[in-house]
Amino acid sequence: MDLAAGHVAAVQKLSDPQCIGWRPYNLGTGSAHTVLEVVNAFERASGKKIPYKIASRREGDITSSYADCSKAKTDLGWEASRSLEDMCE
């Protein structure tokens, strides 16, 4: 739902006379979550055990990835309002 609202806000921005061309926006919470946190949240939301195994990092894996959503908030008035648990449900 947050992502859909972000897309709507971006499309509405196109009708702004001050808007010239397109601009990229990061849509996210701005908070990083580990893979294990996401797995655990899905388990709580589904009530089912998700099988996984802990392994060493693979070559080329990044250490972290999260969105800087400040431009979306400033330009579009958009920010995520749902938690990781909400998203998994």
PDB file of N, CA and C in Angstrom:
ATOM      1  N   MET A   1       0.823  -1.199   0.000  1.00  0.00           N
ATOM      2  CA  MET A   1       0.000   0.000   0.000  1.00  0.00           C
ATOM      3  C   MET A   1       0.865   1.260   0.000  1.00  0.00           C
ATOM      4  N   ASP A   2       1.948   1.244   0.773  1.00  0.00           N
ATOM      5  CA  ASP A   2       2.842   2.407   0.775  1.00  0.00           C
ATOM      6  C   ASP A   2       3.436   2.635  -0.607  1.00  0.00           C
ATOM      7  N   LEU A   3       3.867   1.562  -1.253  1.00  0.00           N
ATOM      8  CA  LEU A   3       4.467   1.683  -2.576  1.00  0.00           C
ATOM      9  C   LEU A   3       3.453   2.223  -3.583  1.00  0.00           C
ATOM     10  N   ALA A   4       2.229   1.727  -3.528  1.00  0.00           N
ATOM     11  CA  ALA A   4       1.178   2.206  -4.428  1.00  0.00           C
ATOM     12  C   ALA A   4       0.922   3.699  -4.201  1.00  0.00           C
ATOM     13  N   ALA A   5       0.862   4.117  -2.949  1.00  0.00           N
ATOM     14  CA  ALA A   5       0.635   5.537  -2.641  1.00  0.00           C
ATOM     15  C   ALA A   5       1.797   6.394  -3.143  1.00  0.00           C
ATOM     16  N   GLY A   6       3.004   5.865  -3.074  1.00  0.00           N
ATOM     17  CA  GLY A   6       4.167   6.588  -3.598  1.00  0.00           C
ATOM     18  C   GLY A   6       4.091   6.770  -5.100  1.00  0.00           C
ATOM     19  N   HIS A   7       3.639   5.735  -5.799  1.00  0.00           N
ATOM     20  CA  HIS A   7       3.485   5.849  -7.252  1.00  0.00           C
ATOM     21  C   HIS A   7       2.393   6.863  -7.615  1.00  0.00           C
ATOM     22  N   VAL A   8       1.302   6.855  -6.867  1.00  0.00           N
ATOM     23  CA  VAL A   8       0.228   7.829  -7.103  1.00  0.00           C
ATOM     24  C   VAL A   8       0.761   9.246  -6.887  1.00  0.00           C
ATOM     25  N   ALA A   9       1.508   9.463  -5.826  1.00  0.00           N
ATOM     26  CA  ALA A   9       2.069  10.783  -5.547  1.00  0.00           C
ATOM     27  C   ALA A   9       3.001  11.233  -6.671  1.00  0.00           C
ATOM     28  N   ALA A  10       3.788  10.305  -7.218  1.00  0.00           N
ATOM     29  CA  ALA A  10       4.704  10.646  -8.315  1.00  0.00           C
ATOM     30  C   ALA A  10       3.932  11.011  -9.579  1.00  0.00           C
ATOM     31  N   VAL A  11       2.878  10.278  -9.888  1.00  0.00           N
ATOM     32  CA  VAL A  11       2.060  10.590 -11.069  1.00  0.00           C
ATOM     33  C   VAL A  11       1.360  11.936 -10.878  1.00  0.00           C
ATOM     34  N   GLN A  12       0.862  12.201  -9.682  1.00  0.00           N
ATOM     35  CA  GLN A  12       0.204  13.486  -9.419  1.00  0.00           C
ATOM     36  C   GLN A  12       1.193  14.634  -9.563  1.00  0.00           C
ATOM     37  N   LYS A  13       2.450  14.403  -9.231  1.00  0.00           N
ATOM     38  CA  LYS A  13       3.483  15.438  -9.349  1.00  0.00           C
ATOM     39  C   LYS A  13       3.635  15.889 -10.803  1.00  0.00           C
ATOM     40  N   LEU A  14       3.384  14.979 -11.751  1.00  0.00           N
ATOM     41  CA  LEU A  14       3.505  15.313 -13.171  1.00  0.00           C
ATOM     42  C   LEU A  14       2.527  16.405 -13.602  1.00  0.00           C
ATOM     43  N   SER A  15       1.414  16.551 -12.885  1.00  0.00           N
ATOM     44  CA  SER A  15       0.440  17.593 -13.232  1.00  0.00           C
ATOM     45  C   SER A  15       0.821  18.957 -12.660  1.00  0.00           C
ATOM     46  N   ASP A  16       1.872  19.001 -11.848  1.00  0.00           N
ATOM     47  CA  ASP A  16       2.363  20.262 -11.280  1.00  0.00           C
ATOM     48  C   ASP A  16       3.047  21.075 -12.376  1.00  0.00           C
ATOM     49  N   PRO A  17       2.603  22.320 -12.624  1.00  0.00           N
ATOM     50  CA  PRO A  17       3.224  23.143 -13.666  1.00  0.00           C
ATOM     51  C   PRO A  17       4.723  23.365 -13.449  1.00  0.00           C
ATOM     52  N   GLN A  18       5.182  23.260 -12.217  1.00  0.00           N
ATOM     53  CA  GLN A  18       6.601  23.431 -11.912  1.00  0.00           C
ATOM     54  C   GLN A  18       7.426  22.178 -12.261  1.00  0.00           C
ATOM     55  N   CYS A  19       6.738  21.081 -12.502  1.00  0.00           N
ATOM     56  CA  CYS A  19       7.409  19.811 -12.784  1.00  0.00           C
ATOM     57  C   CYS A  19       7.929  19.814 -14.221  1.00  0.00           C
ATOM     58  N   ILE A  20       9.236  19.655 -14.360  1.00  0.00           N
ATOM     59  CA  ILE A  20       9.854  19.620 -15.684  1.00  0.00           C
ATOM     60  C   ILE A  20      10.497  18.245 -15.860  1.00  0.00           C
ATOM     61  N   GLY A  21       9.942  17.434 -16.748  1.00  0.00           N
ATOM     62  CA  GLY A  21      10.511  16.116 -17.007  1.00  0.00           C
ATOM     63  C   GLY A  21      10.275  15.150 -15.862  1.00  0.00           C
ATOM     64  N   TRP A  22      11.031  14.081 -15.880  1.00  0.00           N
ATOM     65  CA  TRP A  22      10.885  13.051 -14.857  1.00  0.00           C
ATOM     66  C   TRP A  22      12.025  13.128 -13.861  1.00  0.00           C
ATOM     67  N   ARG A  23      11.774  12.612 -12.674  1.00  0.00           N
ATOM     68  CA  ARG A  23      12.798  12.541 -11.621  1.00  0.00           C
ATOM     69  C   ARG A  23      12.667  11.190 -10.935  1.00  0.00           C
ATOM     70  N   PRO A  24      13.764  10.576 -10.611  1.00  0.00           N
ATOM     71  CA  PRO A  24      13.692   9.302  -9.878  1.00  0.00           C
ATOM     72  C   PRO A  24      13.462   9.550  -8.390  1.00  0.00           C
ATOM     73  N   TYR A  25      12.703   8.679  -7.766  1.00  0.00           N
ATOM     74  CA  TYR A  25      12.460   8.747  -6.321  1.00  0.00           C
ATOM     75  C   TYR A  25      12.662   7.366  -5.720  1.00  0.00           C
ATOM     76  N   ASN A  26      13.301   7.314  -4.580  1.00  0.00           N
ATOM     77  CA  ASN A  26      13.400   6.085  -3.810  1.00  0.00           C
ATOM     78  C   ASN A  26      12.164   5.989  -2.933  1.00  0.00           C
ATOM     79  N   LEU A  27      11.447   4.891  -3.035  1.00  0.00           N
ATOM     80  CA  LEU A  27      10.273   4.657  -2.208  1.00  0.00           C
ATOM     81  C   LEU A  27      10.583   3.487  -1.288  1.00  0.00           C
ATOM     82  N   GLY A  28      10.676   3.748  -0.034  1.00  0.00           N
ATOM     83  CA  GLY A  28      10.983   2.721   0.960  1.00  0.00           C
ATOM     84  C   GLY A  28      10.814   3.312   2.340  1.00  0.00           C
ATOM     85  N   THR A  29      11.199   2.540   3.331  1.00  0.00           N
ATOM     86  CA  THR A  29      11.059   3.024   4.708  1.00  0.00           C
ATOM     87  C   THR A  29      12.266   3.828   5.151  1.00  0.00           C
ATOM     88  N   GLY A  30      13.400   3.640   4.463  1.00  0.00           N
ATOM     89  CA  GLY A  30      14.631   4.286   4.888  1.00  0.00           C
ATOM     90  C   GLY A  30      15.329   3.522   5.994  1.00  0.00           C
ATOM     91  N   SER A  31      14.759   2.391   6.386  1.00  0.00           N
ATOM     92  CA  SER A  31      15.342   1.550   7.437  1.00  0.00           C
ATOM     93  C   SER A  31      15.805   0.236   6.835  1.00  0.00           C
ATOM     94  N   ALA A  32      16.959  -0.216   7.270  1.00  0.00           N
ATOM     95  CA  ALA A  32      17.475  -1.498   6.796  1.00  0.00           C
ATOM     96  C   ALA A  32      16.950  -2.625   7.682  1.00  0.00           C
ATOM     97  N   HIS A  33      16.708  -3.781   7.096  1.00  0.00           N
ATOM     98  CA  HIS A  33      16.316  -4.984   7.823  1.00  0.00           C
ATOM     99  C   HIS A  33      17.202  -6.120   7.351  1.00  0.00           C
ATOM    100  N   THR A  34      17.589  -6.980   8.264  1.00  0.00           N
ATOM    101  CA  THR A  34      18.369  -8.140   7.881  1.00  0.00           C
ATOM    102  C   THR A  34      17.452  -9.164   7.215  1.00  0.00           C
ATOM    103  N   VAL A  35      18.057 -10.073   6.472  1.00  0.00           N
ATOM    104  CA  VAL A  35      17.284 -11.148   5.855  1.00  0.00           C
ATOM    105  C   VAL A  35      16.556 -11.942   6.937  1.00  0.00           C
ATOM    106  N   LEU A  36      17.229 -12.196   8.047  1.00  0.00           N
ATOM    107  CA  LEU A  36      16.604 -12.957   9.132  1.00  0.00           C
ATOM    108  C   LEU A  36      15.418 -12.204   9.739  1.00  0.00           C
ATOM    109  N   GLU A  37      15.516 -10.899   9.863  1.00  0.00           N
ATOM    110  CA  GLU A  37      14.371 -10.113  10.361  1.00  0.00           C
ATOM    111  C   GLU A  37      13.175 -10.246   9.423  1.00  0.00           C
ATOM    112  N   VAL A  38      13.428 -10.233   8.113  1.00  0.00           N
ATOM    113  CA  VAL A  38      12.337 -10.367   7.142  1.00  0.00           C
ATOM    114  C   VAL A  38      11.740 -11.774   7.216  1.00  0.00           C
ATOM    115  N   VAL A  39      12.583 -12.791   7.288  1.00  0.00           N
ATOM    116  CA  VAL A  39      12.093 -14.166   7.415  1.00  0.00           C
ATOM    117  C   VAL A  39      11.225 -14.299   8.664  1.00  0.00           C
ATOM    118  N   ASN A  40      11.698 -13.796   9.790  1.00  0.00           N
ATOM    119  CA  ASN A  40      10.930 -13.878  11.038  1.00  0.00           C
ATOM    120  C   ASN A  40       9.609 -13.136  10.944  1.00  0.00           C
ATOM    121  N   ALA A  41       9.596 -11.982  10.291  1.00  0.00           N
ATOM    122  CA  ALA A  41       8.354 -11.223  10.132  1.00  0.00           C
ATOM    123  C   ALA A  41       7.359 -11.989   9.265  1.00  0.00           C
ATOM    124  N   PHE A  42       7.844 -12.637   8.202  1.00  0.00           N
ATOM    125  CA  PHE A  42       6.959 -13.456   7.364  1.00  0.00           C
ATOM    126  C   PHE A  42       6.424 -14.659   8.145  1.00  0.00           C
ATOM    127  N   GLU A  43       7.249 -15.244   8.996  1.00  0.00           N
ATOM    128  CA  GLU A  43       6.790 -16.365   9.816  1.00  0.00           C
ATOM    129  C   GLU A  43       5.674 -15.925  10.750  1.00  0.00           C
ATOM    130  N   ARG A  44       5.850 -14.780  11.398  1.00  0.00           N
ATOM    131  CA  ARG A  44       4.805 -14.267  12.303  1.00  0.00           C
ATOM    132  C   ARG A  44       3.527 -13.951  11.533  1.00  0.00           C
ATOM    133  N   ALA A  45       3.671 -13.341  10.357  1.00  0.00           N
ATOM    134  CA  ALA A  45       2.495 -12.949   9.580  1.00  0.00           C
ATOM    135  C   ALA A  45       1.732 -14.163   9.034  1.00  0.00           C
ATOM    136  N   SER A  46       2.460 -15.185   8.624  1.00  0.00           N
ATOM    137  CA  SER A  46       1.824 -16.354   8.014  1.00  0.00           C
ATOM    138  C   SER A  46       1.477 -17.450   9.009  1.00  0.00           C
ATOM    139  N   GLY A  47       2.123 -17.408  10.182  1.00  0.00           N
ATOM    140  CA  GLY A  47       1.922 -18.481  11.145  1.00  0.00           C
ATOM    141  C   GLY A  47       2.584 -19.777  10.719  1.00  0.00           C
ATOM    142  N   LYS A  48       3.489 -19.704   9.743  1.00  0.00           N
ATOM    143  CA  LYS A  48       4.165 -20.895   9.228  1.00  0.00           C
ATOM    144  C   LYS A  48       5.666 -20.743   9.362  1.00  0.00           C
ATOM    145  N   LYS A  49       6.327 -21.848   9.577  1.00  0.00           N
ATOM    146  CA  LYS A  49       7.792 -21.878   9.655  1.00  0.00           C
ATOM    147  C   LYS A  49       8.360 -21.808   8.236  1.00  0.00           C
ATOM    148  N   ILE A  50       9.316 -20.930   8.042  1.00  0.00           N
ATOM    149  CA  ILE A  50       9.996 -20.799   6.753  1.00  0.00           C
ATOM    150  C   ILE A  50      11.375 -21.429   6.898  1.00  0.00           C
ATOM    151  N   PRO A  51      11.642 -22.489   6.136  1.00  0.00           N
ATOM    152  CA  PRO A  51      12.943 -23.133   6.262  1.00  0.00           C
ATOM    153  C   PRO A  51      14.057 -22.237   5.691  1.00  0.00           C
ATOM    154  N   TYR A  52      15.168 -22.171   6.398  1.00  0.00           N
ATOM    155  CA  TYR A  52      16.320 -21.408   5.935  1.00  0.00           C
ATOM    156  C   TYR A  52      17.570 -21.999   6.549  1.00  0.00           C
ATOM    157  N   LYS A  53      18.708 -21.644   5.988  1.00  0.00           N
ATOM    158  CA  LYS A  53      19.969 -22.042   6.605  1.00  0.00           C
ATOM    159  C   LYS A  53      20.912 -20.853   6.557  1.00  0.00           C
ATOM    160  N   ILE A  54      21.678 -20.711   7.617  1.00  0.00           N
ATOM    161  CA  ILE A  54      22.665 -19.638   7.719  1.00  0.00           C
ATOM    162  C   ILE A  54      23.898 -20.074   6.932  1.00  0.00           C
ATOM    163  N   ALA A  55      24.347 -19.226   6.039  1.00  0.00           N
ATOM    164  CA  ALA A  55      25.531 -19.529   5.229  1.00  0.00           C
ATOM    165  C   ALA A  55      26.407 -18.286   5.166  1.00  0.00           C
ATOM    166  N   SER A  56      27.635 -18.465   4.762  1.00  0.00           N
ATOM    167  CA  SER A  56      28.531 -17.314   4.635  1.00  0.00           C
ATOM    168  C   SER A  56      28.122 -16.475   3.426  1.00  0.00           C
ATOM    169  N   ARG A  57      28.537 -15.242   3.450  1.00  0.00           N
ATOM    170  CA  ARG A  57      28.209 -14.316   2.371  1.00  0.00           C
ATOM    171  C   ARG A  57      28.839 -14.813   1.075  1.00  0.00           C
ATOM    172  N   ARG A  58      28.098 -14.663  -0.012  1.00  0.00           N
ATOM    173  CA  ARG A  58      28.604 -15.047  -1.325  1.00  0.00           C
ATOM    174  C   ARG A  58      29.405 -13.899  -1.922  1.00  0.00           C
ATOM    175  N   GLU A  59      30.317 -14.221  -2.786  1.00  0.00           N
ATOM    176  CA  GLU A  59      31.105 -13.194  -3.457  1.00  0.00           C
ATOM    177  C   GLU A  59      30.152 -12.268  -4.219  1.00  0.00           C
ATOM    178  N   GLY A  60      30.338 -10.977  -4.036  1.00  0.00           N
ATOM    179  CA  GLY A  60      29.496  -9.992  -4.715  1.00  0.00           C
ATOM    180  C   GLY A  60      28.296  -9.525  -3.910  1.00  0.00           C
ATOM    181  N   ASP A  61      27.946 -10.240  -2.815  1.00  0.00           N
ATOM    182  CA  ASP A  61      26.827  -9.803  -1.974  1.00  0.00           C
ATOM    183  C   ASP A  61      27.169  -8.476  -1.311  1.00  0.00           C
ATOM    184  N   ILE A  62      26.212  -7.583  -1.269  1.00  0.00           N
ATOM    185  CA  ILE A  62      26.424  -6.303  -0.601  1.00  0.00           C
ATOM    186  C   ILE A  62      26.169  -6.451   0.893  1.00  0.00           C
ATOM    187  N   THR A  63      26.743  -5.557   1.668  1.00  0.00           N
ATOM    188  CA  THR A  63      26.579  -5.656   3.127  1.00  0.00           C
ATOM    189  C   THR A  63      25.238  -5.097   3.594  1.00  0.00           C
ATOM    190  N   SER A  64      24.735  -4.076   2.914  1.00  0.00           N
ATOM    191  CA  SER A  64      23.431  -3.525   3.277  1.00  0.00           C
ATOM    192  C   SER A  64      22.867  -2.741   2.101  1.00  0.00           C
ATOM    193  N   SER A  65      21.548  -2.573   2.124  1.00  0.00           N
ATOM    194  CA  SER A  65      20.867  -1.827   1.079  1.00  0.00           C
ATOM    195  C   SER A  65      19.584  -1.249   1.660  1.00  0.00           C
ATOM    196  N   TYR A  66      19.437   0.045   1.576  1.00  0.00           N
ATOM    197  CA  TYR A  66      18.205   0.678   2.020  1.00  0.00           C
ATOM    198  C   TYR A  66      18.046   1.996   1.278  1.00  0.00           C
ATOM    199  N   ALA A  67      16.842   2.487   1.222  1.00  0.00           N
ATOM    200  CA  ALA A  67      16.519   3.660   0.418  1.00  0.00           C
ATOM    201  C   ALA A  67      16.644   4.951   1.225  1.00  0.00           C
ATOM    202  N   ASP A  68      17.176   5.976   0.574  1.00  0.00           N
ATOM    203  CA  ASP A  68      17.115   7.331   1.125  1.00  0.00           C
ATOM    204  C   ASP A  68      15.875   7.964   0.510  1.00  0.00           C
ATOM    205  N   CYS A  69      14.831   8.071   1.286  1.00  0.00           N
ATOM    206  CA  CYS A  69      13.526   8.517   0.790  1.00  0.00           C
ATOM    207  C   CYS A  69      13.281  10.002   1.010  1.00  0.00           C
ATOM    208  N   SER A  70      14.308  10.747   1.370  1.00  0.00           N
ATOM    209  CA  SER A  70      14.116  12.151   1.725  1.00  0.00           C
ATOM    210  C   SER A  70      13.582  12.979   0.556  1.00  0.00           C
ATOM    211  N   LYS A  71      14.006  12.684  -0.669  1.00  0.00           N
ATOM    212  CA  LYS A  71      13.511  13.454  -1.825  1.00  0.00           C
ATOM    213  C   LYS A  71      12.022  13.185  -2.061  1.00  0.00           C
ATOM    214  N   ALA A  72      11.572  11.949  -1.856  1.00  0.00           N
ATOM    215  CA  ALA A  72      10.150  11.635  -2.001  1.00  0.00           C
ATOM    216  C   ALA A  72       9.320  12.405  -0.971  1.00  0.00           C
ATOM    217  N   LYS A  73       9.856  12.514   0.238  1.00  0.00           N
ATOM    218  CA  LYS A  73       9.128  13.247   1.288  1.00  0.00           C
ATOM    219  C   LYS A  73       9.083  14.741   0.963  1.00  0.00           C
ATOM    220  N   THR A  74      10.222  15.291   0.534  1.00  0.00           N
ATOM    221  CA  THR A  74      10.297  16.721   0.239  1.00  0.00           C
ATOM    222  C   THR A  74       9.484  17.092  -1.001  1.00  0.00           C
ATOM    223  N   ASP A  75       9.684  16.364  -2.092  1.00  0.00           N
ATOM    224  CA  ASP A  75       9.052  16.713  -3.367  1.00  0.00           C
ATOM    225  C   ASP A  75       7.608  16.248  -3.488  1.00  0.00           C
ATOM    226  N   LEU A  76       7.309  15.062  -2.949  1.00  0.00           N
ATOM    227  CA  LEU A  76       5.994  14.460  -3.151  1.00  0.00           C
ATOM    228  C   LEU A  76       5.113  14.486  -1.908  1.00  0.00           C
ATOM    229  N   GLY A  77       5.708  14.804  -0.768  1.00  0.00           N
ATOM    230  CA  GLY A  77       4.948  14.740   0.477  1.00  0.00           C
ATOM    231  C   GLY A  77       4.624  13.306   0.869  1.00  0.00           C
ATOM    232  N   TRP A  78       5.426  12.354   0.375  1.00  0.00           N
ATOM    233  CA  TRP A  78       5.189  10.926   0.618  1.00  0.00           C
ATOM    234  C   TRP A  78       6.207  10.358   1.579  1.00  0.00           C
ATOM    235  N   GLU A  79       5.743   9.500   2.470  1.00  0.00           N
ATOM    236  CA  GLU A  79       6.639   8.696   3.281  1.00  0.00           C
ATOM    237  C   GLU A  79       5.912   7.421   3.676  1.00  0.00           C
ATOM    238  N   ALA A  80       6.680   6.354   3.835  1.00  0.00           N
ATOM    239  CA  ALA A  80       6.102   5.072   4.226  1.00  0.00           C
ATOM    240  C   ALA A  80       5.497   5.189   5.622  1.00  0.00           C
ATOM    241  N   SER A  81       4.371   4.539   5.818  1.00  0.00           N
ATOM    242  CA  SER A  81       3.713   4.607   7.126  1.00  0.00           C
ATOM    243  C   SER A  81       3.547   3.227   7.752  1.00  0.00           C
ATOM    244  N   ARG A  82       3.901   2.174   7.021  1.00  0.00           N
ATOM    245  CA  ARG A  82       3.685   0.816   7.516  1.00  0.00           C
ATOM    246  C   ARG A  82       4.998   0.198   7.999  1.00  0.00           C
ATOM    247  N   SER A  83       4.878  -0.695   8.963  1.00  0.00           N
ATOM    248  CA  SER A  83       6.050  -1.384   9.518  1.00  0.00           C
ATOM    249  C   SER A  83       6.365  -2.626   8.687  1.00  0.00           C
ATOM    250  N   LEU A  84       7.492  -3.236   8.967  1.00  0.00           N
ATOM    251  CA  LEU A  84       7.857  -4.484   8.307  1.00  0.00           C
ATOM    252  C   LEU A  84       6.781  -5.541   8.537  1.00  0.00           C
ATOM    253  N   GLU A  85       6.265  -5.623   9.746  1.00  0.00           N
ATOM    254  CA  GLU A  85       5.204  -6.593  10.057  1.00  0.00           C
ATOM    255  C   GLU A  85       3.947  -6.305   9.238  1.00  0.00           C
ATOM    256  N   ASP A  86       3.577  -5.030   9.099  1.00  0.00           N
ATOM    257  CA  ASP A  86       2.416  -4.665   8.283  1.00  0.00           C
ATOM    258  C   ASP A  86       2.612  -5.119   6.839  1.00  0.00           C
ATOM    259  N   MET A  87       3.822  -4.892   6.307  1.00  0.00           N
ATOM    260  CA  MET A  87       4.109  -5.253   4.918  1.00  0.00           C
ATOM    261  C   MET A  87       4.024  -6.749   4.708  1.00  0.00           C
ATOM    262  N   CYS A  88       4.494  -7.522   5.671  1.00  0.00           N
ATOM    263  CA  CYS A  88       4.458  -8.988   5.533  1.00  0.00           C
ATOM    264  C   CYS A  88       3.044  -9.526   5.649  1.00  0.00           C
ATOM    265  N   GLU A  89       2.223  -8.880   6.454  1.00  0.00           N
ATOM    266  CA  GLU A  89       0.824  -9.331   6.582  1.00  0.00           C
ATOM    267  C   GLU A  89       0.091  -9.091   5.287  1.00  0.00           C
TER     268      GLU A  89
END
